Structure formats: structure tokens, C-alpha cells
Amino acid sequence: MKKLFDFREEYKTGELNESGMKANPIEQFQLWLQAAIDSKIPEPNAMTIATCTANGKPSARVVLLKEINKNGFVFFTNYLSRKGRELLENPFAALVFDWHSIERQVRVEGRVEKLSTLDSDVYFNERPREAQIGAWSSPQSKILNNREELEQRQVSFEEKFNNRKIFRPSNWGGFILLPATIEFWQGRPGRLHDRLVYLRTEEGWTLHRLAP
């Protein structure tokens, strides 16, 4: 196998200047997300989300961003999953969007809140029927005896909801991350990358440059 320290790319496609940034980081993120979509990156809304237990033990995984609005970043999960339980007992999280092919990354940190039951219902009702059955079938993060156990649960719920509307499980729904920090990273030659970070204050957002 090739030695890992031999893997090295030079980043040369862009630069990041304070004068070109929006005053509101959510608007800046929307511009970058659209650029990622336009560049044909597979699942540009994929993000790593890191959570912690109440005593500070971290875990991370990739989930899909389902909405970005003026308040924050919305995603959905099983509330009884590991990330769901950690978010309920320690409602803070960090997100990372890695758009490596266009040499960009965004990091977000903030407080997390559950969405209303109405908002969770609206999204659940828009999901494909197969995904709705999946939400009922999977006891997410629980240990299974084998794959067949999961498939049997799927069959059972397909029979239960045969020719019937599938309603949202009460243990499944959305969260919104309310950002306190949003950092934009642009790769530059020689590893002297551009890092511009927005910090939320009582007066609004302030913009700062960080050393790479």
C-alpha cells in the first residue's frame, strides 16, 4: 500500500476574502451549497454530525441535511438512536460539510432543538413509502441478532400498513441546529488555507480570519 504521507494534493482553485463574504453566514452557506450542487458532488447535503453524551463522550456519523432556513440546519433521525439520545441529553452538536472536490469545507457549531411535531409530520409525509416503513422497522442503534431480524420487522410493518396511510412514529422526527459558529474553509497552495469564521453575538454576526 502507498504510504499515507505520500498522498498530497495542492489546492489551487480559489481564494476566500472578507470583502466577498455575505453579512449573514446562512446566506453565505446557501451560496456555497448551491455551488456544491452545481459541481455535481454526490449528495452535497451530506454532513458529519458530532454529538456528545452528558459526560462528554463524543461520537460522529454522516447524515443528510434536509433544510436550511434563517434559523439553522434541519435533519431527521430516530430519537432513540445513539445520536438522538445524545442530543436530547446534551443538546449541542457540530457539523462538517466536506466538499473536497471543490476544495471547500464548512464547519458549524451550535445548540440543537427538536422540531415541532407538525414540522416532523410534514417531512415524514413527504418521504417515500419505503422510507416510512424503514422508520418503523429499524430500532436504530440497537443490537440485532442478524439481518433477518430486521427484514422480518420490515415485512411485519408492511403488512400492518398494507393499503393504509403510514403515520410518523412518535420516536422519529427532526432537529434543528441553531448555529453559534460557522466557519468557511477554502484550500490554498502550501497549506496556507483561507479560514473565515462567523461568531454570533448579541448584536449579530462578526467575521474573523483564522490561521490555517
Protein backbone atom coordinates (compact mmCIF):
# COMPACT_ATOMS: atom_id res chain seq x y z
CA MET A 1 0.00 0.00 0.00
CA LYS A 2 1.16 3.52 -0.78
CA LYS A 3 2.43 5.34 2.29
CA LEU A 4 -0.22 7.68 3.62
CA PHE A 5 2.16 10.62 3.88
CA ASP A 6 2.76 10.33 0.13
CA PHE A 7 -0.86 11.38 -0.54
CA ARG A 8 -0.74 15.13 -1.11
CA GLU A 9 -2.85 17.47 -3.20
CA GLU A 10 -2.20 21.12 -3.91
CA TYR A 11 -5.28 23.32 -3.64
CA LYS A 12 -5.32 25.98 -6.34
CA THR A 13 -8.91 26.58 -7.43
CA GLY A 14 -9.96 29.52 -5.29
CA GLU A 15 -9.44 32.01 -2.50
CA LEU A 16 -11.56 33.48 0.28
CA ASN A 17 -11.61 37.20 1.05
CA GLU A 18 -13.56 39.01 3.74
CA SER A 19 -14.82 41.58 1.24
CA GLY A 20 -16.60 38.91 -0.77
CA MET A 21 -18.50 37.35 2.14
CA LYS A 22 -22.16 37.91 2.97
CA ALA A 23 -23.00 39.66 6.23
CA ASN A 24 -25.17 36.67 7.21
CA PRO A 25 -23.36 33.29 7.25
CA ILE A 26 -26.53 31.33 6.49
CA GLU A 27 -26.80 33.24 3.21
CA GLN A 28 -23.12 32.54 2.55
CA PHE A 29 -23.67 28.85 3.27
CA GLN A 30 -26.60 28.77 0.84
CA LEU A 31 -24.32 30.15 -1.89
CA TRP A 32 -21.68 27.51 -1.19
CA LEU A 33 -24.24 24.72 -1.02
CA GLN A 34 -25.58 25.77 -4.42
CA ALA A 35 -22.04 25.77 -5.80
CA ALA A 36 -21.57 22.23 -4.45
CA ILE A 37 -24.85 21.18 -6.09
CA ASP A 38 -23.85 22.80 -9.39
CA SER A 39 -20.50 21.00 -9.32
CA LYS A 40 -22.35 17.63 -9.30
CA ILE A 41 -20.87 16.45 -5.98
CA PRO A 42 -22.73 13.26 -4.94
CA GLU A 43 -25.08 14.10 -2.05
CA PRO A 44 -23.83 17.65 -1.45
CA ASN A 45 -26.15 17.81 1.59
CA ALA A 46 -24.24 15.03 3.36
CA MET A 47 -22.72 16.22 6.63
CA THR A 48 -20.83 14.74 9.53
CA ILE A 49 -22.59 15.43 12.81
CA ALA A 50 -20.72 15.07 16.09
CA THR A 51 -22.59 14.69 19.37
CA CYS A 52 -21.61 14.02 22.99
CA THR A 53 -23.07 12.21 25.94
CA ALA A 54 -23.84 14.22 29.07
CA ASN A 55 -20.39 13.31 30.43
CA GLY A 56 -18.57 14.34 27.25
CA LYS A 57 -18.02 11.11 25.34
CA PRO A 58 -18.16 12.02 21.62
CA SER A 59 -19.46 10.17 18.57
CA ALA A 60 -19.84 11.16 14.92
CA ARG A 61 -21.61 9.92 11.81
CA VAL A 62 -22.79 11.17 8.41
CA VAL A 63 -26.41 12.27 7.96
CA LEU A 64 -28.25 14.34 5.35
CA LEU A 65 -29.18 17.98 5.74
CA LYS A 66 -32.86 18.26 4.84
CA GLU A 67 -33.46 22.00 5.16
CA ILE A 68 -31.50 25.19 5.67
CA ASN A 69 -33.54 28.20 6.80
CA LYS A 70 -32.94 31.55 8.50
CA ASN A 71 -32.76 29.81 11.89
CA GLY A 72 -30.45 26.92 11.14
CA PHE A 73 -29.78 23.43 9.84
CA VAL A 74 -32.50 20.76 9.88
CA PHE A 75 -32.08 16.98 9.91
CA PHE A 76 -34.15 13.97 10.95
CA THR A 77 -33.47 10.82 12.95
CA ASN A 78 -34.81 8.26 15.39
CA TYR A 79 -34.93 9.98 18.78
CA LEU A 80 -33.99 6.66 20.43
CA SER A 81 -30.86 6.21 18.29
CA ARG A 82 -27.48 6.97 19.77
CA LYS A 83 -27.32 10.45 18.26
CA GLY A 84 -30.95 11.10 19.18
CA ARG A 85 -30.40 10.17 22.81
CA GLU A 86 -27.16 12.16 23.00
CA LEU A 87 -28.80 15.25 21.51
CA LEU A 88 -31.66 15.05 24.00
CA GLU A 89 -29.36 14.76 26.99
CA ASN A 90 -26.69 17.18 25.71
CA PRO A 91 -28.31 19.49 23.12
CA PHE A 92 -25.22 20.75 21.33
CA ALA A 93 -23.63 19.47 18.13
CA ALA A 94 -21.04 20.18 15.44
CA LEU A 95 -21.49 19.72 11.69
CA VAL A 96 -18.92 19.35 8.91
CA PHE A 97 -19.66 19.66 5.20
CA ASP A 98 -16.68 18.30 3.24
CA TRP A 99 -16.83 19.32 -0.42
CA HIS A 100 -13.33 18.10 -1.16
CA SER A 101 -13.58 18.05 -4.95
CA ILE A 102 -14.13 21.83 -4.97
CA GLU A 103 -11.60 22.34 -2.16
CA ARG A 104 -14.12 23.68 0.35
CA GLN A 105 -15.32 22.79 3.81
CA VAL A 106 -17.84 24.31 6.22
CA ARG A 107 -17.94 23.72 9.96
CA VAL A 108 -20.95 24.62 12.11
CA GLU A 109 -21.39 24.51 15.90
CA GLY A 110 -24.41 25.33 17.99
CA ARG A 111 -27.35 24.39 20.16
CA VAL A 112 -29.88 21.81 18.96
CA GLU A 113 -33.66 21.79 19.44
CA LYS A 114 -36.35 19.28 18.47
CA LEU A 115 -38.66 20.34 15.69
CA SER A 116 -42.36 20.63 16.40
CA THR A 117 -44.47 17.53 15.86
CA LEU A 118 -46.18 19.34 12.99
CA ASP A 119 -42.90 20.03 11.18
CA SER A 120 -41.78 16.43 11.69
CA ASP A 121 -45.14 15.17 10.41
CA VAL A 122 -44.92 17.33 7.29
CA TYR A 123 -41.50 15.97 6.36
CA PHE A 124 -42.39 12.36 7.23
CA ASN A 125 -45.45 12.53 4.98
CA GLU A 126 -43.23 13.63 2.08
CA ARG A 127 -40.89 10.63 2.41
CA PRO A 128 -41.17 7.66 0.05
CA ARG A 129 -43.37 4.90 1.47
CA GLU A 130 -40.37 2.55 1.67
CA ALA A 131 -38.51 5.07 3.84
CA GLN A 132 -41.59 5.50 6.05
CA ILE A 133 -41.68 1.73 6.59
CA GLY A 134 -37.96 1.86 7.33
CA ALA A 135 -38.51 4.38 10.12
CA TRP A 136 -40.89 1.91 11.78
CA SER A 137 -38.77 -1.16 11.06
CA SER A 138 -35.40 -0.09 12.40
CA PRO A 139 -34.76 0.06 16.17
CA GLN A 140 -31.85 2.32 15.29
CA SER A 141 -28.55 1.74 17.11
CA LYS A 142 -29.89 -1.36 18.90
CA ILE A 143 -28.01 -4.68 18.60
CA LEU A 144 -29.67 -7.16 16.22
CA ASN A 145 -29.26 -10.92 16.18
CA ASN A 146 -28.91 -10.93 12.37
CA ARG A 147 -30.08 -9.26 9.14
CA GLU A 148 -33.14 -11.50 9.01
CA GLU A 149 -34.48 -9.94 12.22
CA LEU A 150 -34.52 -6.51 10.55
CA GLU A 151 -36.11 -7.86 7.38
CA GLN A 152 -38.80 -9.64 9.39
CA ARG A 153 -39.63 -6.36 11.12
CA GLN A 154 -39.91 -4.73 7.72
CA VAL A 155 -42.33 -7.39 6.49
CA SER A 156 -44.36 -7.06 9.67
CA PHE A 157 -44.83 -3.31 9.26
CA GLU A 158 -45.54 -3.63 5.55
CA GLU A 159 -48.39 -5.97 6.49
CA LYS A 160 -49.55 -3.65 9.28
CA PHE A 161 -49.76 -0.65 6.95
CA ASN A 162 -50.97 -2.53 3.88
CA ASN A 163 -53.24 -0.15 1.93
CA ARG A 164 -53.18 2.28 4.86
CA LYS A 165 -51.60 5.68 5.41
CA ILE A 166 -48.35 5.39 7.37
CA PHE A 167 -48.19 7.82 10.25
CA ARG A 168 -44.98 9.03 11.84
CA PRO A 169 -43.60 7.03 14.77
CA SER A 170 -43.52 9.19 17.89
CA ASN A 171 -39.82 8.35 18.38
CA TRP A 172 -38.84 9.67 14.94
CA GLY A 173 -38.56 13.31 13.94
CA GLY A 174 -36.46 16.36 13.31
CA PHE A 175 -33.86 18.51 14.99
CA ILE A 176 -32.63 21.97 14.10
CA LEU A 177 -29.10 23.15 14.89
CA LEU A 178 -29.09 26.85 15.77
CA PRO A 179 -25.60 27.99 14.81
CA ALA A 180 -23.34 29.98 17.10
CA THR A 181 -20.26 29.50 14.89
CA ILE A 182 -19.96 28.92 11.14
CA GLU A 183 -16.51 28.55 9.57
CA PHE A 184 -15.75 28.59 5.84
CA TRP A 185 -12.55 26.89 4.63
CA GLN A 186 -11.01 27.28 1.18
CA GLY A 187 -7.96 25.25 0.19
CA ARG A 188 -4.88 27.25 -0.82
CA PRO A 189 -1.37 26.31 -2.02
CA GLY A 190 1.28 25.37 0.52
CA ARG A 191 -1.36 24.51 3.12
CA LEU A 192 -1.86 28.23 3.82
CA HIS A 193 -5.60 27.80 3.57
CA ASP A 194 -8.20 30.53 3.98
CA ARG A 195 -10.41 30.18 7.09
CA LEU A 196 -13.11 32.74 7.78
CA VAL A 197 -15.32 32.25 10.81
CA TYR A 198 -18.58 33.93 11.79
CA LEU A 199 -19.30 34.23 15.51
CA ARG A 200 -22.79 35.03 16.79
CA THR A 201 -23.01 37.88 19.29
CA GLU A 202 -25.92 39.69 20.91
CA GLU A 203 -25.65 42.33 18.18
CA GLY A 204 -25.47 39.85 15.29
CA TRP A 205 -22.62 38.14 13.44
CA THR A 206 -18.96 39.09 13.44
CA LEU A 207 -16.44 37.81 10.85
CA HIS A 208 -12.84 36.87 11.63
CA ARG A 209 -9.91 35.29 9.84
CA LEU A 210 -8.26 32.25 11.44
CA ALA A 211 -4.74 30.97 10.89
CA PRO A 212 -4.79 27.73 8.85
